[in-house]
Amino acid sequence: MSVAFIRPIIADGLAPQQIRDYTWVAMKRSEVGALGESIAAAHLERLGYAIRERNFRTREGEIDIIADKDGTLVFVEVKARRSRACGTPEESITRRKKERLIALADAYMENREGLPESWRIDVVALELKRDGKVERIDIIENATDWGM
């Protein structure tokens, strides 16, 4: 296992055998999300996206990444998973989440000048292996049109 993707267990109350057997546990959900966003941003940059901003927040929620790609403003939702126990990353993008992403995109564009006229919302679906390596990374363009 890569140390960058795991954290040690606090050993209080564990027998020596348990400590040897369970020396590492998987990252917290928030840590998986932050790692997923970093991996997604680097992947998008390699594909020619110019990152404008990360973690744009309003009272209504957050947009993970805002970028420019070929004259289009792209709002990116990153979904990272360690397993498919709760479904694929794409399956977590519900109709309600899509509506919220559209509202957040509108809020971002509301008071800014000089933005491209065209815009879209993409989803980066990311699955990590147990050793912390990327198993799959897919970009779903125009994700608010997909599956509705």
N, C-alpha and C. Protein backbone atom coordinates (compact mmCIF):
# COMPACT_ATOMS: atom_id res chain seq x y z
N MET A 1 0.84 -1.19 0.00
CA MET A 1 0.00 0.00 0.00
C MET A 1 0.87 1.24 0.00
N SER A 2 0.35 2.28 -0.65
CA SER A 2 1.05 3.55 -0.68
C SER A 2 0.67 4.36 0.54
N VAL A 3 1.64 4.89 1.24
CA VAL A 3 1.38 5.64 2.48
C VAL A 3 0.55 6.89 2.22
N ALA A 4 0.62 7.44 1.02
CA ALA A 4 -0.13 8.64 0.69
C ALA A 4 -1.63 8.40 0.72
N PHE A 5 -2.08 7.16 0.62
CA PHE A 5 -3.50 6.87 0.51
C PHE A 5 -4.08 6.18 1.73
N ILE A 6 -3.32 6.05 2.80
CA ILE A 6 -3.79 5.37 3.99
C ILE A 6 -3.37 6.13 5.24
N ARG A 7 -4.00 5.82 6.35
CA ARG A 7 -3.62 6.45 7.61
C ARG A 7 -3.58 5.39 8.69
N PRO A 8 -2.72 5.54 9.69
CA PRO A 8 -2.59 4.49 10.71
C PRO A 8 -3.79 4.45 11.64
N ILE A 9 -4.07 3.27 12.14
CA ILE A 9 -5.12 3.09 13.15
C ILE A 9 -4.56 3.52 14.50
N ILE A 10 -5.39 4.11 15.33
CA ILE A 10 -5.00 4.38 16.71
C ILE A 10 -5.09 3.05 17.44
N ALA A 11 -4.00 2.63 18.06
CA ALA A 11 -3.87 1.27 18.58
C ALA A 11 -4.50 1.06 19.95
N ASP A 12 -5.08 2.08 20.56
CA ASP A 12 -5.65 1.91 21.90
C ASP A 12 -6.66 0.78 21.93
N GLY A 13 -6.49 -0.13 22.87
CA GLY A 13 -7.46 -1.19 23.09
C GLY A 13 -7.32 -2.38 22.17
N LEU A 14 -6.36 -2.38 21.26
CA LEU A 14 -6.17 -3.52 20.37
C LEU A 14 -5.09 -4.44 20.91
N ALA A 15 -5.32 -5.74 20.79
CA ALA A 15 -4.30 -6.73 21.16
C ALA A 15 -3.17 -6.67 20.15
N PRO A 16 -1.94 -7.09 20.53
CA PRO A 16 -0.81 -7.04 19.58
C PRO A 16 -1.10 -7.70 18.25
N GLN A 17 -1.81 -8.84 18.23
CA GLN A 17 -2.12 -9.50 16.96
C GLN A 17 -3.03 -8.63 16.10
N GLN A 18 -4.01 -7.97 16.73
CA GLN A 18 -4.91 -7.09 15.99
C GLN A 18 -4.13 -5.92 15.40
N ILE A 19 -3.17 -5.39 16.13
CA ILE A 19 -2.38 -4.28 15.63
C ILE A 19 -1.60 -4.71 14.40
N ARG A 20 -1.01 -5.93 14.43
CA ARG A 20 -0.28 -6.43 13.26
C ARG A 20 -1.22 -6.66 12.08
N ASP A 21 -2.43 -7.18 12.35
CA ASP A 21 -3.38 -7.51 11.28
C ASP A 21 -4.05 -6.26 10.69
N TYR A 22 -4.23 -5.24 11.49
CA TYR A 22 -4.97 -4.06 11.05
C TYR A 22 -4.15 -2.79 11.25
N THR A 23 -3.00 -2.76 10.60
CA THR A 23 -2.11 -1.62 10.77
C THR A 23 -2.61 -0.38 10.01
N TRP A 24 -3.37 -0.58 8.92
CA TRP A 24 -3.80 0.54 8.07
C TRP A 24 -5.29 0.45 7.79
N VAL A 25 -5.91 1.59 7.64
CA VAL A 25 -7.31 1.66 7.22
C VAL A 25 -7.42 2.61 6.05
N ALA A 26 -8.49 2.52 5.33
CA ALA A 26 -8.70 3.39 4.17
C ALA A 26 -8.94 4.83 4.61
N MET A 27 -8.77 5.73 3.68
CA MET A 27 -8.98 7.14 3.96
C MET A 27 -10.43 7.44 4.32
N LYS A 28 -10.62 8.57 4.99
CA LYS A 28 -11.97 9.06 5.27
C LYS A 28 -12.60 9.51 3.95
N ARG A 29 -13.90 9.60 3.94
CA ARG A 29 -14.63 10.01 2.74
C ARG A 29 -14.17 11.38 2.24
N SER A 30 -13.97 12.33 3.15
CA SER A 30 -13.53 13.67 2.75
C SER A 30 -12.13 13.63 2.13
N GLU A 31 -11.28 12.72 2.63
CA GLU A 31 -9.94 12.59 2.07
C GLU A 31 -9.99 11.99 0.67
N VAL A 32 -10.89 11.04 0.45
CA VAL A 32 -11.07 10.46 -0.88
C VAL A 32 -11.55 11.54 -1.84
N GLY A 33 -12.48 12.37 -1.38
CA GLY A 33 -12.99 13.45 -2.22
C GLY A 33 -11.91 14.44 -2.61
N ALA A 34 -11.11 14.86 -1.65
CA ALA A 34 -10.03 15.82 -1.93
C ALA A 34 -9.00 15.21 -2.87
N LEU A 35 -8.66 13.95 -2.66
CA LEU A 35 -7.72 13.28 -3.55
C LEU A 35 -8.31 13.16 -4.95
N GLY A 36 -9.56 12.79 -5.03
CA GLY A 36 -10.24 12.68 -6.33
C GLY A 36 -10.23 14.00 -7.09
N GLU A 37 -10.48 15.10 -6.39
CA GLU A 37 -10.47 16.41 -7.04
C GLU A 37 -9.09 16.76 -7.56
N SER A 38 -8.05 16.44 -6.80
CA SER A 38 -6.68 16.73 -7.25
C SER A 38 -6.32 15.89 -8.47
N ILE A 39 -6.68 14.61 -8.44
CA ILE A 39 -6.41 13.74 -9.59
C ILE A 39 -7.19 14.23 -10.81
N ALA A 40 -8.45 14.58 -10.61
CA ALA A 40 -9.29 15.05 -11.72
C ALA A 40 -8.73 16.34 -12.32
N ALA A 41 -8.32 17.28 -11.48
CA ALA A 41 -7.78 18.55 -11.98
C ALA A 41 -6.52 18.31 -12.82
N ALA A 42 -5.64 17.45 -12.34
CA ALA A 42 -4.41 17.14 -13.10
C ALA A 42 -4.76 16.46 -14.42
N HIS A 43 -5.72 15.56 -14.40
CA HIS A 43 -6.15 14.85 -15.62
C HIS A 43 -6.76 15.84 -16.62
N LEU A 44 -7.60 16.72 -16.13
CA LEU A 44 -8.23 17.72 -17.02
C LEU A 44 -7.17 18.63 -17.64
N GLU A 45 -6.21 19.06 -16.86
CA GLU A 45 -5.14 19.91 -17.40
C GLU A 45 -4.36 19.18 -18.50
N ARG A 46 -4.10 17.89 -18.30
CA ARG A 46 -3.40 17.11 -19.34
C ARG A 46 -4.22 17.04 -20.62
N LEU A 47 -5.53 17.12 -20.50
CA LEU A 47 -6.42 17.07 -21.66
C LEU A 47 -6.70 18.45 -22.26
N GLY A 48 -6.04 19.48 -21.75
CA GLY A 48 -6.18 20.82 -22.32
C GLY A 48 -7.17 21.74 -21.65
N TYR A 49 -7.74 21.34 -20.53
CA TYR A 49 -8.62 22.23 -19.77
C TYR A 49 -7.73 23.22 -19.01
N ALA A 50 -8.15 24.47 -18.97
CA ALA A 50 -7.45 25.48 -18.17
C ALA A 50 -8.28 25.71 -16.91
N ILE A 51 -7.74 25.34 -15.77
CA ILE A 51 -8.47 25.46 -14.50
C ILE A 51 -8.56 26.93 -14.11
N ARG A 52 -9.78 27.41 -13.92
CA ARG A 52 -10.02 28.78 -13.47
C ARG A 52 -10.07 28.85 -11.94
N GLU A 53 -10.78 27.89 -11.38
CA GLU A 53 -11.05 27.95 -9.94
C GLU A 53 -11.40 26.56 -9.45
N ARG A 54 -11.10 26.33 -8.17
CA ARG A 54 -11.49 25.07 -7.53
C ARG A 54 -12.29 25.39 -6.28
N ASN A 55 -13.25 24.52 -5.98
CA ASN A 55 -14.07 24.62 -4.78
C ASN A 55 -14.80 25.95 -4.64
N PHE A 56 -15.50 26.36 -5.69
CA PHE A 56 -16.35 27.55 -5.63
C PHE A 56 -17.56 27.22 -4.76
N ARG A 57 -17.76 28.03 -3.72
CA ARG A 57 -18.82 27.75 -2.75
C ARG A 57 -19.84 28.89 -2.66
N THR A 58 -21.09 28.47 -2.48
CA THR A 58 -22.17 29.38 -2.12
C THR A 58 -22.95 28.69 -1.01
N ARG A 59 -24.00 29.34 -0.52
CA ARG A 59 -24.83 28.71 0.51
C ARG A 59 -25.48 27.43 -0.01
N GLU A 60 -25.73 27.38 -1.31
CA GLU A 60 -26.44 26.25 -1.90
C GLU A 60 -25.54 25.04 -2.15
N GLY A 61 -24.23 25.23 -2.13
CA GLY A 61 -23.35 24.10 -2.39
C GLY A 61 -22.01 24.51 -2.97
N GLU A 62 -21.38 23.57 -3.67
CA GLU A 62 -20.02 23.78 -4.15
C GLU A 62 -19.84 23.18 -5.54
N ILE A 63 -19.06 23.88 -6.36
CA ILE A 63 -18.62 23.34 -7.64
C ILE A 63 -17.16 22.97 -7.45
N ASP A 64 -16.81 21.73 -7.76
CA ASP A 64 -15.46 21.25 -7.51
C ASP A 64 -14.41 21.95 -8.35
N ILE A 65 -14.64 22.03 -9.65
CA ILE A 65 -13.66 22.63 -10.57
C ILE A 65 -14.39 23.45 -11.62
N ILE A 66 -13.84 24.63 -11.90
CA ILE A 66 -14.35 25.46 -13.00
C ILE A 66 -13.17 25.66 -13.95
N ALA A 67 -13.41 25.38 -15.23
CA ALA A 67 -12.32 25.41 -16.21
C ALA A 67 -12.80 25.96 -17.54
N ASP A 68 -11.83 26.26 -18.40
CA ASP A 68 -12.10 26.62 -19.79
C ASP A 68 -11.59 25.49 -20.66
N LYS A 69 -12.39 25.13 -21.69
CA LYS A 69 -11.96 24.12 -22.65
C LYS A 69 -12.50 24.51 -24.02
N ASP A 70 -11.59 24.85 -24.92
CA ASP A 70 -11.96 25.18 -26.30
C ASP A 70 -13.05 26.25 -26.37
N GLY A 71 -12.91 27.32 -25.60
CA GLY A 71 -13.87 28.42 -25.64
C GLY A 71 -15.16 28.17 -24.89
N THR A 72 -15.22 27.11 -24.12
CA THR A 72 -16.41 26.78 -23.34
C THR A 72 -16.06 26.81 -21.86
N LEU A 73 -16.92 27.40 -21.07
CA LEU A 73 -16.78 27.39 -19.61
C LEU A 73 -17.32 26.05 -19.11
N VAL A 74 -16.50 25.31 -18.36
CA VAL A 74 -16.89 23.97 -17.93
C VAL A 74 -16.92 23.91 -16.41
N PHE A 75 -18.07 23.53 -15.88
CA PHE A 75 -18.24 23.30 -14.44
C PHE A 75 -18.13 21.79 -14.23
N VAL A 76 -17.23 21.38 -13.34
CA VAL A 76 -16.92 19.97 -13.19
C VAL A 76 -17.27 19.49 -11.79
N GLU A 77 -18.08 18.45 -11.74
CA GLU A 77 -18.39 17.74 -10.51
C GLU A 77 -17.54 16.48 -10.49
N VAL A 78 -16.78 16.29 -9.41
CA VAL A 78 -15.90 15.12 -9.30
C VAL A 78 -16.55 14.13 -8.33
N LYS A 79 -16.67 12.90 -8.78
CA LYS A 79 -17.20 11.82 -7.94
C LYS A 79 -16.15 10.72 -7.87
N ALA A 80 -15.59 10.53 -6.68
CA ALA A 80 -14.55 9.51 -6.47
C ALA A 80 -15.07 8.43 -5.54
N ARG A 81 -14.74 7.19 -5.86
CA ARG A 81 -15.17 6.05 -5.05
C ARG A 81 -14.01 5.09 -4.84
N ARG A 82 -14.02 4.41 -3.70
CA ARG A 82 -13.04 3.36 -3.41
C ARG A 82 -13.60 1.99 -3.74
N SER A 83 -14.91 1.89 -3.84
CA SER A 83 -15.54 0.61 -4.19
C SER A 83 -16.90 0.92 -4.81
N ARG A 84 -17.52 -0.14 -5.32
CA ARG A 84 -18.85 0.01 -5.91
C ARG A 84 -19.95 -0.43 -4.95
N ALA A 85 -19.63 -0.55 -3.69
CA ALA A 85 -20.61 -0.99 -2.70
C ALA A 85 -21.85 -0.10 -2.69
N CYS A 86 -21.66 1.18 -2.95
CA CYS A 86 -22.78 2.13 -3.01
C CYS A 86 -23.08 2.54 -4.44
N GLY A 87 -22.61 1.76 -5.41
CA GLY A 87 -22.83 2.07 -6.82
C GLY A 87 -21.63 2.75 -7.44
N THR A 88 -21.74 3.04 -8.72
CA THR A 88 -20.66 3.71 -9.43
C THR A 88 -20.68 5.20 -9.12
N PRO A 89 -19.59 5.88 -9.38
CA PRO A 89 -19.60 7.33 -9.12
C PRO A 89 -20.70 8.05 -9.90
N GLU A 90 -20.93 7.64 -11.14
CA GLU A 90 -21.95 8.30 -11.97
C GLU A 90 -23.35 8.15 -11.39
N GLU A 91 -23.61 7.04 -10.75
CA GLU A 91 -24.94 6.79 -10.22
C GLU A 91 -25.31 7.74 -9.08
N SER A 92 -24.34 8.41 -8.52
CA SER A 92 -24.63 9.35 -7.43
C SER A 92 -25.09 10.72 -7.95
N ILE A 93 -25.07 10.90 -9.26
CA ILE A 93 -25.53 12.17 -9.85
C ILE A 93 -27.03 12.05 -10.13
N THR A 94 -27.81 12.48 -9.17
CA THR A 94 -29.27 12.41 -9.26
C THR A 94 -29.82 13.63 -9.99
N ARG A 95 -31.08 13.57 -10.32
CA ARG A 95 -31.75 14.72 -10.96
C ARG A 95 -31.62 15.95 -10.06
N ARG A 96 -31.80 15.77 -8.76
CA ARG A 96 -31.70 16.90 -7.82
C ARG A 96 -30.28 17.49 -7.82
N LYS A 97 -29.26 16.62 -7.86
CA LYS A 97 -27.88 17.09 -7.90
C LYS A 97 -27.63 17.87 -9.19
N LYS A 98 -28.15 17.39 -10.30
CA LYS A 98 -28.01 18.09 -11.58
C LYS A 98 -28.64 19.49 -11.51
N GLU A 99 -29.82 19.57 -10.92
CA GLU A 99 -30.49 20.87 -10.77
C GLU A 99 -29.66 21.81 -9.90
N ARG A 100 -29.08 21.28 -8.83
CA ARG A 100 -28.23 22.09 -7.95
C ARG A 100 -26.98 22.57 -8.69
N LEU A 101 -26.38 21.71 -9.50
CA LEU A 101 -25.20 22.10 -10.27
C LEU A 101 -25.52 23.21 -11.26
N ILE A 102 -26.68 23.15 -11.89
CA ILE A 102 -27.10 24.20 -12.82
C ILE A 102 -27.28 25.52 -12.06
N ALA A 103 -27.92 25.46 -10.89
CA ALA A 103 -28.11 26.67 -10.08
C ALA A 103 -26.76 27.25 -9.64
N LEU A 104 -25.82 26.39 -9.27
CA LEU A 104 -24.49 26.86 -8.86
C LEU A 104 -23.75 27.48 -10.04
N ALA A 105 -23.87 26.90 -11.21
CA ALA A 105 -23.24 27.46 -12.41
C ALA A 105 -23.83 28.85 -12.70
N ASP A 106 -25.15 28.97 -12.59
CA ASP A 106 -25.80 30.28 -12.79
C ASP A 106 -25.28 31.30 -11.77
N ALA A 107 -25.13 30.88 -10.52
CA ALA A 107 -24.63 31.78 -9.48
C ALA A 107 -23.20 32.22 -9.80
N TYR A 108 -22.39 31.34 -10.30
CA TYR A 108 -21.01 31.69 -10.66
C TYR A 108 -20.99 32.72 -11.79
N MET A 109 -21.83 32.52 -12.79
CA MET A 109 -21.81 33.39 -13.97
C MET A 109 -22.52 34.72 -13.75
N GLU A 110 -23.34 34.79 -12.73
CA GLU A 110 -24.20 35.95 -12.49
C GLU A 110 -23.45 37.29 -12.43
N ASN A 111 -22.38 37.39 -11.70
CA ASN A 111 -21.70 38.66 -11.49
C ASN A 111 -20.30 38.70 -12.08
N ARG A 112 -20.05 37.89 -13.09
CA ARG A 112 -18.72 37.87 -13.71
C ARG A 112 -18.84 38.28 -15.16
N GLU A 113 -17.91 39.10 -15.58
CA GLU A 113 -17.88 39.54 -16.98
C GLU A 113 -16.74 38.84 -17.69
N GLY A 114 -16.82 38.82 -19.01
CA GLY A 114 -15.75 38.27 -19.81
C GLY A 114 -15.71 36.74 -19.84
N LEU A 115 -16.81 36.11 -19.48
CA LEU A 115 -16.86 34.65 -19.52
C LEU A 115 -17.27 34.19 -20.92
N PRO A 116 -16.85 33.00 -21.31
CA PRO A 116 -17.32 32.47 -22.59
C PRO A 116 -18.85 32.38 -22.60
N GLU A 117 -19.44 32.53 -23.77
CA GLU A 117 -20.90 32.44 -23.86
C GLU A 117 -21.41 31.03 -23.66
N SER A 118 -20.67 30.05 -24.17
CA SER A 118 -21.12 28.67 -24.03
C SER A 118 -20.57 28.07 -22.73
N TRP A 119 -21.37 27.21 -22.13
CA TRP A 119 -20.96 26.54 -20.91
C TRP A 119 -21.63 25.18 -20.82
N ARG A 120 -21.04 24.33 -20.00
CA ARG A 120 -21.61 23.00 -19.78
C ARG A 120 -21.18 22.50 -18.40
N ILE A 121 -21.81 21.42 -17.99
CA ILE A 121 -21.46 20.77 -16.73
C ILE A 121 -20.98 19.36 -17.05
N ASP A 122 -19.78 19.04 -16.62
CA ASP A 122 -19.20 17.72 -16.81
C ASP A 122 -19.08 17.02 -15.46
N VAL A 123 -19.00 15.71 -15.50
CA VAL A 123 -18.73 14.91 -14.31
C VAL A 123 -17.47 14.10 -14.58
N VAL A 124 -16.57 14.11 -13.62
CA VAL A 124 -15.42 13.22 -13.66
C VAL A 124 -15.71 12.08 -12.69
N ALA A 125 -15.83 10.86 -13.24
CA ALA A 125 -16.07 9.66 -12.44
C ALA A 125 -14.74 8.97 -12.23
N LEU A 126 -14.41 8.75 -10.97
CA LEU A 126 -13.08 8.24 -10.62
C LEU A 126 -13.23 7.08 -9.64
N GLU A 127 -12.59 5.95 -9.97
CA GLU A 127 -12.57 4.81 -9.07
C GLU A 127 -11.13 4.51 -8.69
N LEU A 128 -10.91 4.33 -7.39
CA LEU A 128 -9.58 4.01 -6.87
C LEU A 128 -9.50 2.55 -6.46
N LYS A 129 -8.37 1.92 -6.71
CA LYS A 129 -8.13 0.56 -6.25
C LYS A 129 -7.82 0.59 -4.76
N ARG A 130 -7.79 -0.58 -4.15
CA ARG A 130 -7.49 -0.67 -2.72
C ARG A 130 -6.09 -0.16 -2.40
N ASP A 131 -5.16 -0.24 -3.36
CA ASP A 131 -3.80 0.25 -3.11
C ASP A 131 -3.67 1.75 -3.36
N GLY A 132 -4.78 2.41 -3.68
CA GLY A 132 -4.77 3.85 -3.86
C GLY A 132 -4.52 4.32 -5.27
N LYS A 133 -4.30 3.40 -6.20
CA LYS A 133 -4.07 3.79 -7.58
C LYS A 133 -5.39 3.97 -8.31
N VAL A 134 -5.35 4.77 -9.37
CA VAL A 134 -6.55 5.03 -10.14
C VAL A 134 -6.89 3.79 -10.97
N GLU A 135 -8.09 3.29 -10.77
CA GLU A 135 -8.57 2.14 -11.56
C GLU A 135 -9.27 2.63 -12.83
N ARG A 136 -10.05 3.71 -12.68
CA ARG A 136 -10.82 4.23 -13.81
C ARG A 136 -11.05 5.71 -13.62
N ILE A 137 -10.94 6.45 -14.71
CA ILE A 137 -11.29 7.86 -14.70
C ILE A 137 -11.98 8.17 -16.03
N ASP A 138 -13.21 8.64 -15.95
CA ASP A 138 -14.01 8.96 -17.13
C ASP A 138 -14.57 10.36 -16.99
N ILE A 139 -14.67 11.05 -18.11
CA ILE A 139 -15.30 12.37 -18.14
C ILE A 139 -16.61 12.24 -18.89
N ILE A 140 -17.67 12.66 -18.24
CA ILE A 140 -19.00 12.68 -18.87
C ILE A 140 -19.31 14.13 -19.18
N GLU A 141 -19.24 14.49 -20.46
CA GLU A 141 -19.52 15.86 -20.87
C GLU A 141 -21.02 16.09 -20.91
N ASN A 142 -21.42 17.34 -20.65
CA ASN A 142 -22.84 17.71 -20.65
C ASN A 142 -23.64 16.77 -19.75
N ALA A 143 -23.17 16.55 -18.57
CA ALA A 143 -23.76 15.57 -17.66
C ALA A 143 -25.19 15.91 -17.25
N THR A 144 -25.57 17.15 -17.32
CA THR A 144 -26.95 17.50 -16.95
C THR A 144 -27.93 17.05 -18.02
N ASP A 145 -27.46 16.78 -19.23
CA ASP A 145 -28.31 16.26 -20.30
C ASP A 145 -28.38 14.74 -20.24
N TRP A 146 -27.40 14.12 -19.57
CA TRP A 146 -27.26 12.67 -19.56
C TRP A 146 -28.20 12.05 -18.53
N GLY A 147 -28.97 11.10 -18.96
CA GLY A 147 -29.80 10.31 -18.03
C GLY A 147 -31.00 11.03 -17.48
N MET A 148 -31.39 12.15 -18.03
CA MET A 148 -32.56 12.85 -17.49
C MET A 148 -33.81 12.50 -18.27
